[in-house]
Protein backbone atom coordinates (compact mmCIF):
# COMPACT_ATOMS: atom_id res chain seq x y z
CA MET A 1 6.32 4.85 -4.94
CA ILE A 2 6.66 2.95 -7.93
CA THR A 3 8.99 -0.22 -8.21
CA LEU A 4 9.65 -1.73 -11.85
CA GLU A 5 12.26 -4.14 -13.29
CA PHE A 6 13.44 -4.04 -17.35
CA TRP A 7 12.71 -8.04 -18.18
CA ARG A 8 12.23 -7.39 -22.01
CA GLU A 9 14.51 -9.36 -23.68
CA GLY A 10 15.39 -6.33 -26.38
CA HIS A 11 15.85 -3.73 -23.44
CA LEU A 12 18.33 -6.30 -22.18
CA LEU A 13 20.35 -6.79 -25.45
CA THR A 14 20.90 -3.84 -26.00
CA HIS A 15 21.35 -2.74 -21.97
CA PRO A 16 22.60 -5.55 -19.98
CA GLU A 17 23.47 -3.69 -17.42
CA HIS A 18 19.89 -3.51 -16.28
CA ALA A 19 19.48 -6.89 -16.03
CA GLY A 20 18.45 -7.56 -12.25
CA THR A 21 18.00 -3.62 -11.25
CA VAL A 22 15.60 -2.44 -9.48
CA PHE A 23 14.48 0.94 -10.08
CA VAL A 24 12.15 3.13 -7.84
CA ALA A 25 10.08 6.20 -8.52
CA LYS A 26 8.66 8.35 -6.10
CA LEU A 27 6.10 10.80 -6.74
CA PRO A 28 3.97 12.56 -4.54
CA ALA A 29 1.00 11.16 -3.77
CA ALA A 30 -1.72 13.44 -5.72
CA GLU A 31 0.22 12.96 -8.71
CA PHE A 32 0.23 9.33 -8.21
CA ALA A 33 -3.55 9.35 -7.79
CA GLY A 34 -4.14 11.24 -10.71
CA ILE A 35 -2.03 9.44 -12.94
CA LEU A 36 -4.38 6.34 -11.40
CA GLU A 37 -7.23 8.28 -12.33
CA GLU A 38 -6.09 9.03 -15.98
CA THR A 39 -5.44 4.61 -15.96
CA VAL A 40 -8.68 3.83 -15.07
CA THR A 41 -10.26 6.22 -17.76
CA ILE A 42 -7.81 5.05 -20.29
CA LEU A 43 -8.48 1.40 -19.73
CA GLY A 44 -12.25 1.99 -18.28
CA ASP A 45 -15.05 2.13 -21.38
CA GLY A 46 -14.24 5.88 -21.99
CA GLU A 47 -16.81 6.87 -19.19
CA GLY A 48 -14.01 7.30 -16.32
CA ALA A 49 -14.92 4.80 -13.98
CA PRO A 50 -14.89 5.81 -10.25
CA VAL A 51 -12.17 4.74 -8.39
CA THR A 52 -12.55 4.24 -4.93
C-alpha cells in the first residue's frame, strides 16, 4: 500500500479540495516489488543494484 498527500503549492492552488486529503493506492505485492526494482535501477548506476 502506498499513501501520499499533495503538498506542492501549485497543485493545491488549482485543487484546494486536495489539501489535507490522503490518497491510498493498493497494489499486488509482485507489482509493487517490480516498481521498487525499477526504481533502484533508475536511481542506481544503471547496473541494477541487487534488491535484498
